[in-house]
Each structure stands twice: as C-alpha cells, then as structure tokens.
Amino acid sequence: MSKKISKKYKDRIVAEHFVKAWMESSNIYEVAEKLELQPQSAFQRAKKYIERGICLKQLPLGGPGKGHGERINIKAINEYINKFIEKPAV
C-alpha cells in the first residue's frame, strides 16, 4: 500500500498532485484515499479550486456505503416510502 504521508506534507499538497488525483478518481472518497485526506477536506479543496476557475470534473460524493454515485429514481423511492406511511382511517 502507499506510504504514510506526514501531516506537514498533507498541508503542502500542491495543486498539480490534487488535480491529478481528482481527475483520475471516480468519487471523492477515492481522491481522499489517494491523498490521505478526509473526504470533506478533498471536497472543500476542490470547491476552492473551482471557485478560482480550475475546471475540475464533477465527481459523485459516493463511496463505501454511499451508493457510489448511483442515480436515484425519486418517484419510485417516494412510492416505496408511502408504503410505510400509515393511511388515516376513514
């Protein structure tokens, strides 16, 4: 596996390394794992770069237990939820 990255180095991850990890990953959890960051930290850094005009691709937030960026059929989910809601007695 990869070598542990020191906190001092993590604080200095250069933009090129971050962008490479981002562009080669399929979700934010993968970016975070590659750079040994928390997913929230990777997300915030990407947000900052995008606000500054860096054209990062859009990544799903998915990861372990997060649905891996799956598309959700909202109508079907709401119909499923309605099965659990008690109907008032008439």
PDB file of N, CA and C in Angstrom:
ATOM      1  N   MET A   1       0.842  -1.176   0.000  1.00  0.00           N
ATOM      2  CA  MET A   1       0.000   0.000   0.000  1.00  0.00           C
ATOM      3  C   MET A   1       0.887   1.238   0.000  1.00  0.00           C
ATOM      4  N   SER A   2       0.282   2.409  -0.023  1.00  0.00           N
ATOM      5  CA  SER A   2       1.068   3.634  -0.097  1.00  0.00           C
ATOM      6  C   SER A   2       1.703   3.985   1.240  1.00  0.00           C
ATOM      7  N   LYS A   3       2.797   4.725   1.132  1.00  0.00           N
ATOM      8  CA  LYS A   3       3.489   5.197   2.310  1.00  0.00           C
ATOM      9  C   LYS A   3       2.637   6.232   3.019  1.00  0.00           C
ATOM     10  N   LYS A   4       2.709   6.269   4.361  1.00  0.00           N
ATOM     11  CA  LYS A   4       2.001   7.281   5.129  1.00  0.00           C
ATOM     12  C   LYS A   4       2.560   8.649   4.790  1.00  0.00           C
ATOM     13  N   ILE A   5       1.670   9.606   4.569  1.00  0.00           N
ATOM     14  CA  ILE A   5       2.081  10.967   4.270  1.00  0.00           C
ATOM     15  C   ILE A   5       2.018  11.774   5.556  1.00  0.00           C
ATOM     16  N   SER A   6       3.084  12.487   5.862  1.00  0.00           N
ATOM     17  CA  SER A   6       3.115  13.270   7.095  1.00  0.00           C
ATOM     18  C   SER A   6       2.129  14.421   7.012  1.00  0.00           C
ATOM     19  N   LYS A   7       1.653  14.874   8.181  1.00  0.00           N
ATOM     20  CA  LYS A   7       0.715  15.994   8.222  1.00  0.00           C
ATOM     21  C   LYS A   7       1.337  17.215   7.569  1.00  0.00           C
ATOM     22  N   LYS A   8       2.620  17.432   7.805  1.00  0.00           N
ATOM     23  CA  LYS A   8       3.299  18.580   7.215  1.00  0.00           C
ATOM     24  C   LYS A   8       3.199  18.523   5.688  1.00  0.00           C
ATOM     25  N   TYR A   9       3.376  17.331   5.108  1.00  0.00           N
ATOM     26  CA  TYR A   9       3.281  17.198   3.659  1.00  0.00           C
ATOM     27  C   TYR A   9       1.837  17.377   3.199  1.00  0.00           C
ATOM     28  N   LYS A  10       0.888  16.804   3.955  1.00  0.00           N
ATOM     29  CA  LYS A  10      -0.517  16.928   3.583  1.00  0.00           C
ATOM     30  C   LYS A  10      -0.915  18.387   3.451  1.00  0.00           C
ATOM     31  N   ASP A  11      -0.392  19.215   4.341  1.00  0.00           N
ATOM     32  CA  ASP A  11      -0.701  20.638   4.310  1.00  0.00           C
ATOM     33  C   ASP A  11      -0.109  21.312   3.080  1.00  0.00           C
ATOM     34  N   ARG A  12       0.844  20.650   2.427  1.00  0.00           N
ATOM     35  CA  ARG A  12       1.523  21.244   1.273  1.00  0.00           C
ATOM     36  C   ARG A  12       1.226  20.514  -0.022  1.00  0.00           C
ATOM     37  N   ILE A  13       0.185  19.713  -0.078  1.00  0.00           N
ATOM     38  CA  ILE A  13      -0.128  19.011  -1.325  1.00  0.00           C
ATOM     39  C   ILE A  13      -0.331  20.065  -2.406  1.00  0.00           C
ATOM     40  N   VAL A  14       0.501  20.007  -3.406  1.00  0.00           N
ATOM     41  CA  VAL A  14       0.442  21.022  -4.457  1.00  0.00           C
ATOM     42  C   VAL A  14      -0.761  20.785  -5.364  1.00  0.00           C
ATOM     43  N   ALA A  15      -1.182  21.851  -6.012  1.00  0.00           N
ATOM     44  CA  ALA A  15      -2.375  21.797  -6.854  1.00  0.00           C
ATOM     45  C   ALA A  15      -2.269  20.697  -7.913  1.00  0.00           C
ATOM     46  N   GLU A  16      -1.100  20.537  -8.513  1.00  0.00           N
ATOM     47  CA  GLU A  16      -0.946  19.537  -9.571  1.00  0.00           C
ATOM     48  C   GLU A  16      -1.217  18.124  -9.061  1.00  0.00           C
ATOM     49  N   HIS A  17      -0.745  17.810  -7.851  1.00  0.00           N
ATOM     50  CA  HIS A  17      -0.993  16.477  -7.284  1.00  0.00           C
ATOM     51  C   HIS A  17      -2.479  16.284  -6.982  1.00  0.00           C
ATOM     52  N   PHE A  18      -3.095  17.330  -6.436  1.00  0.00           N
ATOM     53  CA  PHE A  18      -4.515  17.235  -6.122  1.00  0.00           C
ATOM     54  C   PHE A  18      -5.328  17.045  -7.400  1.00  0.00           C
ATOM     55  N   VAL A  19      -5.046  17.868  -8.416  1.00  0.00           N
ATOM     56  CA  VAL A  19      -5.786  17.790  -9.673  1.00  0.00           C
ATOM     57  C   VAL A  19      -5.598  16.426 -10.327  1.00  0.00           C
ATOM     58  N   LYS A  20      -4.386  15.891 -10.317  1.00  0.00           N
ATOM     59  CA  LYS A  20      -4.131  14.565 -10.899  1.00  0.00           C
ATOM     60  C   LYS A  20      -4.972  13.505 -10.187  1.00  0.00           C
ATOM     61  N   ALA A  21      -4.963  13.530  -8.848  1.00  0.00           N
ATOM     62  CA  ALA A  21      -5.753  12.560  -8.084  1.00  0.00           C
ATOM     63  C   ALA A  21      -7.242  12.734  -8.386  1.00  0.00           C
ATOM     64  N   TRP A  22      -7.687  13.976  -8.476  1.00  0.00           N
ATOM     65  CA  TRP A  22      -9.100  14.259  -8.738  1.00  0.00           C
ATOM     66  C   TRP A  22      -9.514  13.731 -10.107  1.00  0.00           C
ATOM     67  N   MET A  23      -8.734  14.055 -11.116  1.00  0.00           N
ATOM     68  CA  MET A  23      -9.105  13.695 -12.484  1.00  0.00           C
ATOM     69  C   MET A  23      -9.015  12.194 -12.743  1.00  0.00           C
ATOM     70  N   GLU A  24      -8.217  11.479 -11.958  1.00  0.00           N
ATOM     71  CA  GLU A  24      -8.063  10.037 -12.134  1.00  0.00           C
ATOM     72  C   GLU A  24      -8.985   9.225 -11.224  1.00  0.00           C
ATOM     73  N   SER A  25      -9.797   9.893 -10.421  1.00  0.00           N
ATOM     74  CA  SER A  25     -10.656   9.199  -9.463  1.00  0.00           C
ATOM     75  C   SER A  25     -12.101   9.178  -9.936  1.00  0.00           C
ATOM     76  N   SER A  26     -12.858   8.246  -9.354  1.00  0.00           N
ATOM     77  CA  SER A  26     -14.265   8.128  -9.733  1.00  0.00           C
ATOM     78  C   SER A  26     -15.212   8.707  -8.690  1.00  0.00           C
ATOM     79  N   ASN A  27     -14.694   9.028  -7.491  1.00  0.00           N
ATOM     80  CA  ASN A  27     -15.515   9.695  -6.477  1.00  0.00           C
ATOM     81  C   ASN A  27     -14.606  10.386  -5.458  1.00  0.00           C
ATOM     82  N   ILE A  28     -15.195  11.181  -4.616  1.00  0.00           N
ATOM     83  CA  ILE A  28     -14.423  11.978  -3.661  1.00  0.00           C
ATOM     84  C   ILE A  28     -13.697  11.091  -2.648  1.00  0.00           C
ATOM     85  N   TYR A  29     -14.297   9.971  -2.280  1.00  0.00           N
ATOM     86  CA  TYR A  29     -13.637   9.075  -1.322  1.00  0.00           C
ATOM     87  C   TYR A  29     -12.333   8.529  -1.900  1.00  0.00           C
ATOM     88  N   GLU A  30     -12.323   8.281  -3.184  1.00  0.00           N
ATOM     89  CA  GLU A  30     -11.113   7.783  -3.836  1.00  0.00           C
ATOM     90  C   GLU A  30     -10.019   8.861  -3.838  1.00  0.00           C
ATOM     91  N   VAL A  31     -10.402  10.116  -4.095  1.00  0.00           N
ATOM     92  CA  VAL A  31      -9.446  11.228  -4.037  1.00  0.00           C
ATOM     93  C   VAL A  31      -8.853  11.310  -2.642  1.00  0.00           C
ATOM     94  N   ALA A  32      -9.724  11.282  -1.646  1.00  0.00           N
ATOM     95  CA  ALA A  32      -9.283  11.396  -0.256  1.00  0.00           C
ATOM     96  C   ALA A  32      -8.333  10.269   0.118  1.00  0.00           C
ATOM     97  N   GLU A  33      -8.632   9.064  -0.336  1.00  0.00           N
ATOM     98  CA  GLU A  33      -7.765   7.922  -0.037  1.00  0.00           C
ATOM     99  C   GLU A  33      -6.392   8.093  -0.689  1.00  0.00           C
ATOM    100  N   LYS A  34      -6.371   8.515  -1.942  1.00  0.00           N
ATOM    101  CA  LYS A  34      -5.098   8.686  -2.657  1.00  0.00           C
ATOM    102  C   LYS A  34      -4.202   9.723  -1.984  1.00  0.00           C
ATOM    103  N   LEU A  35      -4.815  10.788  -1.459  1.00  0.00           N
ATOM    104  CA  LEU A  35      -4.041  11.885  -0.881  1.00  0.00           C
ATOM    105  C   LEU A  35      -3.989  11.834   0.645  1.00  0.00           C
ATOM    106  N   GLU A  36      -4.599  10.779   1.214  1.00  0.00           N
ATOM    107  CA  GLU A  36      -4.678  10.606   2.666  1.00  0.00           C
ATOM    108  C   GLU A  36      -5.269  11.838   3.341  1.00  0.00           C
ATOM    109  N   LEU A  37      -6.391  12.279   2.799  1.00  0.00           N
ATOM    110  CA  LEU A  37      -7.151  13.389   3.344  1.00  0.00           C
ATOM    111  C   LEU A  37      -8.503  12.877   3.811  1.00  0.00           C
ATOM    112  N   GLN A  38      -9.198  13.671   4.591  1.00  0.00           N
ATOM    113  CA  GLN A  38     -10.586  13.380   4.907  1.00  0.00           C
ATOM    114  C   GLN A  38     -11.409  13.738   3.669  1.00  0.00           C
ATOM    115  N   PRO A  39     -12.486  12.994   3.369  1.00  0.00           N
ATOM    116  CA  PRO A  39     -13.304  13.320   2.201  1.00  0.00           C
ATOM    117  C   PRO A  39     -13.790  14.772   2.207  1.00  0.00           C
ATOM    118  N   GLN A  40     -14.152  15.284   3.377  1.00  0.00           N
ATOM    119  CA  GLN A  40     -14.616  16.668   3.465  1.00  0.00           C
ATOM    120  C   GLN A  40     -13.510  17.644   3.068  1.00  0.00           C
ATOM    121  N   SER A  41     -12.273  17.335   3.440  1.00  0.00           N
ATOM    122  CA  SER A  41     -11.143  18.198   3.077  1.00  0.00           C
ATOM    123  C   SER A  41     -10.929  18.197   1.563  1.00  0.00           C
ATOM    124  N   ALA A  42     -11.044  17.025   0.951  1.00  0.00           N
ATOM    125  CA  ALA A  42     -10.899  16.934  -0.505  1.00  0.00           C
ATOM    126  C   ALA A  42     -12.013  17.727  -1.190  1.00  0.00           C
ATOM    127  N   PHE A  43     -13.224  17.599  -0.679  1.00  0.00           N
ATOM    128  CA  PHE A  43     -14.360  18.330  -1.239  1.00  0.00           C
ATOM    129  C   PHE A  43     -14.147  19.840  -1.134  1.00  0.00           C
ATOM    130  N   GLN A  44     -13.715  20.300   0.042  1.00  0.00           N
ATOM    131  CA  GLN A  44     -13.515  21.736   0.244  1.00  0.00           C
ATOM    132  C   GLN A  44     -12.402  22.287  -0.654  1.00  0.00           C
ATOM    133  N   ARG A  45     -11.338  21.518  -0.805  1.00  0.00           N
ATOM    134  CA  ARG A  45     -10.238  21.961  -1.670  1.00  0.00           C
ATOM    135  C   ARG A  45     -10.720  22.052  -3.109  1.00  0.00           C
ATOM    136  N   ALA A  46     -11.467  21.050  -3.568  1.00  0.00           N
ATOM    137  CA  ALA A  46     -11.999  21.074  -4.930  1.00  0.00           C
ATOM    138  C   ALA A  46     -12.917  22.277  -5.119  1.00  0.00           C
ATOM    139  N   LYS A  47     -13.748  22.536  -4.145  1.00  0.00           N
ATOM    140  CA  LYS A  47     -14.670  23.678  -4.213  1.00  0.00           C
ATOM    141  C   LYS A  47     -13.878  24.981  -4.351  1.00  0.00           C
ATOM    142  N   LYS A  48     -12.809  25.110  -3.565  1.00  0.00           N
ATOM    143  CA  LYS A  48     -11.964  26.308  -3.619  1.00  0.00           C
ATOM    144  C   LYS A  48     -11.329  26.448  -5.008  1.00  0.00           C
ATOM    145  N   TYR A  49     -10.825  25.355  -5.541  1.00  0.00           N
ATOM    146  CA  TYR A  49     -10.195  25.403  -6.863  1.00  0.00           C
ATOM    147  C   TYR A  49     -11.210  25.786  -7.934  1.00  0.00           C
ATOM    148  N   ILE A  50     -12.398  25.213  -7.880  1.00  0.00           N
ATOM    149  CA  ILE A  50     -13.441  25.513  -8.861  1.00  0.00           C
ATOM    150  C   ILE A  50     -13.820  26.989  -8.784  1.00  0.00           C
ATOM    151  N   GLU A  51     -13.947  27.511  -7.558  1.00  0.00           N
ATOM    152  CA  GLU A  51     -14.273  28.934  -7.381  1.00  0.00           C
ATOM    153  C   GLU A  51     -13.192  29.834  -7.967  1.00  0.00           C
ATOM    154  N   ARG A  52     -11.959  29.353  -7.990  1.00  0.00           N
ATOM    155  CA  ARG A  52     -10.847  30.132  -8.556  1.00  0.00           C
ATOM    156  C   ARG A  52     -10.722  29.956 -10.062  1.00  0.00           C
ATOM    157  N   GLY A  53     -11.567  29.097 -10.646  1.00  0.00           N
ATOM    158  CA  GLY A  53     -11.578  28.943 -12.096  1.00  0.00           C
ATOM    159  C   GLY A  53     -10.930  27.682 -12.630  1.00  0.00           C
ATOM    160  N   ILE A  54     -10.498  26.768 -11.743  1.00  0.00           N
ATOM    161  CA  ILE A  54      -9.910  25.497 -12.196  1.00  0.00           C
ATOM    162  C   ILE A  54     -11.058  24.578 -12.613  1.00  0.00           C
ATOM    163  N   CYS A  55     -10.986  24.020 -13.798  1.00  0.00           N
ATOM    164  CA  CYS A  55     -12.073  23.223 -14.376  1.00  0.00           C
ATOM    165  C   CYS A  55     -11.972  21.753 -13.988  1.00  0.00           C
ATOM    166  N   LEU A  56     -12.263  21.439 -12.751  1.00  0.00           N
ATOM    167  CA  LEU A  56     -12.266  20.040 -12.304  1.00  0.00           C
ATOM    168  C   LEU A  56     -13.541  19.362 -12.778  1.00  0.00           C
ATOM    169  N   LYS A  57     -13.424  18.075 -13.094  1.00  0.00           N
ATOM    170  CA  LYS A  57     -14.624  17.331 -13.482  1.00  0.00           C
ATOM    171  C   LYS A  57     -15.514  17.159 -12.248  1.00  0.00           C
ATOM    172  N   GLN A  58     -16.787  16.947 -12.493  1.00  0.00           N
ATOM    173  CA  GLN A  58     -17.724  16.721 -11.404  1.00  0.00           C
ATOM    174  C   GLN A  58     -17.610  15.270 -10.951  1.00  0.00           C
ATOM    175  N   LEU A  59     -17.467  15.080  -9.649  1.00  0.00           N
ATOM    176  CA  LEU A  59     -17.384  13.731  -9.093  1.00  0.00           C
ATOM    177  C   LEU A  59     -18.562  13.491  -8.173  1.00  0.00           C
ATOM    178  N   PRO A  60     -19.083  12.259  -8.174  1.00  0.00           N
ATOM    179  CA  PRO A  60     -20.124  11.945  -7.201  1.00  0.00           C
ATOM    180  C   PRO A  60     -19.518  11.875  -5.808  1.00  0.00           C
ATOM    181  N   LEU A  61     -20.344  12.139  -4.810  1.00  0.00           N
ATOM    182  CA  LEU A  61     -19.887  12.057  -3.427  1.00  0.00           C
ATOM    183  C   LEU A  61     -19.755  10.615  -2.986  1.00  0.00           C
ATOM    184  N   GLY A  62     -20.304   9.687  -3.760  1.00  0.00           N
ATOM    185  CA  GLY A  62     -20.359   8.288  -3.378  1.00  0.00           C
ATOM    186  C   GLY A  62     -19.041   7.677  -2.979  1.00  0.00           C
ATOM    187  N   GLY A  63     -19.146   6.683  -2.180  1.00  0.00           N
ATOM    188  CA  GLY A  63     -18.012   5.922  -1.706  1.00  0.00           C
ATOM    189  C   GLY A  63     -18.558   4.731  -0.950  1.00  0.00           C
ATOM    190  N   PRO A  64     -17.773   4.136  -0.083  1.00  0.00           N
ATOM    191  CA  PRO A  64     -18.265   3.000   0.680  1.00  0.00           C
ATOM    192  C   PRO A  64     -19.544   3.350   1.423  1.00  0.00           C
ATOM    193  N   GLY A  65     -20.599   2.614   1.120  1.00  0.00           N
ATOM    194  CA  GLY A  65     -21.866   2.855   1.794  1.00  0.00           C
ATOM    195  C   GLY A  65     -22.591   4.098   1.317  1.00  0.00           C
ATOM    196  N   LYS A  66     -22.124   4.726   0.268  1.00  0.00           N
ATOM    197  CA  LYS A  66     -22.736   5.961  -0.202  1.00  0.00           C
ATOM    198  C   LYS A  66     -23.419   5.787  -1.547  1.00  0.00           C
ATOM    199  N   GLY A  67     -23.568   4.592  -2.030  1.00  0.00           N
ATOM    200  CA  GLY A  67     -24.275   4.355  -3.276  1.00  0.00           C
ATOM    201  C   GLY A  67     -23.421   4.554  -4.514  1.00  0.00           C
ATOM    202  N   HIS A  68     -22.171   4.883  -4.369  1.00  0.00           N
ATOM    203  CA  HIS A  68     -21.239   5.033  -5.491  1.00  0.00           C
ATOM    204  C   HIS A  68     -21.788   5.924  -6.597  1.00  0.00           C
ATOM    205  N   GLY A  69     -22.482   6.992  -6.195  1.00  0.00           N
ATOM    206  CA  GLY A  69     -22.961   7.939  -7.186  1.00  0.00           C
ATOM    207  C   GLY A  69     -24.117   7.439  -8.023  1.00  0.00           C
ATOM    208  N   GLU A  70     -24.872   6.466  -7.530  1.00  0.00           N
ATOM    209  CA  GLU A  70     -25.960   5.905  -8.301  1.00  0.00           C
ATOM    210  C   GLU A  70     -27.048   6.941  -8.570  1.00  0.00           C
ATOM    211  N   ARG A  71     -27.740   6.764  -9.675  1.00  0.00           N
ATOM    212  CA  ARG A  71     -28.888   7.608  -9.973  1.00  0.00           C
ATOM    213  C   ARG A  71     -30.060   7.093  -9.151  1.00  0.00           C
ATOM    214  N   ILE A  72     -30.856   8.023  -8.670  1.00  0.00           N
ATOM    215  CA  ILE A  72     -31.990   7.653  -7.821  1.00  0.00           C
ATOM    216  C   ILE A  72     -33.278   7.955  -8.569  1.00  0.00           C
ATOM    217  N   ASN A  73     -34.168   6.985  -8.611  1.00  0.00           N
ATOM    218  CA  ASN A  73     -35.494   7.176  -9.183  1.00  0.00           C
ATOM    219  C   ASN A  73     -36.375   7.721  -8.065  1.00  0.00           C
ATOM    220  N   ILE A  74     -36.532   9.038  -8.044  1.00  0.00           N
ATOM    221  CA  ILE A  74     -37.231   9.702  -6.940  1.00  0.00           C
ATOM    222  C   ILE A  74     -38.674   9.239  -6.838  1.00  0.00           C
ATOM    223  N   LYS A  75     -39.361   9.116  -7.962  1.00  0.00           N
ATOM    224  CA  LYS A  75     -40.758   8.684  -7.940  1.00  0.00           C
ATOM    225  C   LYS A  75     -40.879   7.296  -7.304  1.00  0.00           C
ATOM    226  N   ALA A  76     -40.011   6.375  -7.710  1.00  0.00           N
ATOM    227  CA  ALA A  76     -40.060   5.011  -7.170  1.00  0.00           C
ATOM    228  C   ALA A  76     -39.737   4.994  -5.680  1.00  0.00           C
ATOM    229  N   ILE A  77     -38.768   5.781  -5.251  1.00  0.00           N
ATOM    230  CA  ILE A  77     -38.418   5.832  -3.825  1.00  0.00           C
ATOM    231  C   ILE A  77     -39.572   6.397  -3.013  1.00  0.00           C
ATOM    232  N   ASN A  78     -40.209   7.462  -3.519  1.00  0.00           N
ATOM    233  CA  ASN A  78     -41.341   8.041  -2.795  1.00  0.00           C
ATOM    234  C   ASN A  78     -42.514   7.066  -2.713  1.00  0.00           C
ATOM    235  N   GLU A  79     -42.752   6.306  -3.773  1.00  0.00           N
ATOM    236  CA  GLU A  79     -43.799   5.285  -3.734  1.00  0.00           C
ATOM    237  C   GLU A  79     -43.465   4.221  -2.682  1.00  0.00           C
ATOM    238  N   TYR A  80     -42.209   3.850  -2.603  1.00  0.00           N
ATOM    239  CA  TYR A  80     -41.759   2.879  -1.600  1.00  0.00           C
ATOM    240  C   TYR A  80     -41.963   3.440  -0.192  1.00  0.00           C
ATOM    241  N   ILE A  81     -41.608   4.699   0.005  1.00  0.00           N
ATOM    242  CA  ILE A  81     -41.770   5.335   1.323  1.00  0.00           C
ATOM    243  C   ILE A  81     -43.237   5.377   1.717  1.00  0.00           C
ATOM    244  N   ASN A  82     -44.116   5.646   0.755  1.00  0.00           N
ATOM    245  CA  ASN A  82     -45.549   5.719   1.048  1.00  0.00           C
ATOM    246  C   ASN A  82     -46.103   4.415   1.598  1.00  0.00           C
ATOM    247  N   LYS A  83     -45.470   3.293   1.305  1.00  0.00           N
ATOM    248  CA  LYS A  83     -45.909   2.006   1.850  1.00  0.00           C
ATOM    249  C   LYS A  83     -45.751   1.967   3.372  1.00  0.00           C
ATOM    250  N   PHE A  84     -44.849   2.777   3.896  1.00  0.00           N
ATOM    251  CA  PHE A  84     -44.579   2.790   5.337  1.00  0.00           C
ATOM    252  C   PHE A  84     -45.425   3.824   6.089  1.00  0.00           C
ATOM    253  N   ILE A  85     -46.026   4.722   5.357  1.00  0.00           N
ATOM    254  CA  ILE A  85     -46.814   5.788   5.987  1.00  0.00           C
ATOM    255  C   ILE A  85     -48.223   5.248   6.204  1.00  0.00           C
ATOM    256  N   GLU A  86     -48.660   5.370   7.455  1.00  0.00           N
ATOM    257  CA  GLU A  86     -49.995   4.877   7.770  1.00  0.00           C
ATOM    258  C   GLU A  86     -51.025   5.771   7.122  1.00  0.00           C
ATOM    259  N   LYS A  87     -51.997   5.144   6.526  1.00  0.00           N
ATOM    260  CA  LYS A  87     -53.106   5.876   5.922  1.00  0.00           C
ATOM    261  C   LYS A  87     -54.154   6.134   7.016  1.00  0.00           C
ATOM    262  N   PRO A  88     -54.698   7.367   7.069  1.00  0.00           N
ATOM    263  CA  PRO A  88     -55.706   7.648   8.095  1.00  0.00           C
ATOM    264  C   PRO A  88     -56.957   6.805   7.879  1.00  0.00           C
ATOM    265  N   ALA A  89     -57.545   6.346   8.983  1.00  0.00           N
ATOM    266  CA  ALA A  89     -58.771   5.546   8.900  1.00  0.00           C
ATOM    267  C   ALA A  89     -59.920   6.448   8.495  1.00  0.00           C
ATOM    268  N   VAL A  90     -60.788   5.934   7.622  1.00  0.00           N
ATOM    269  CA  VAL A  90     -61.934   6.729   7.141  1.00  0.00           C
ATOM    270  C   VAL A  90     -63.166   6.357   7.888  1.00  0.00           C
TER     271      VAL A  90
END
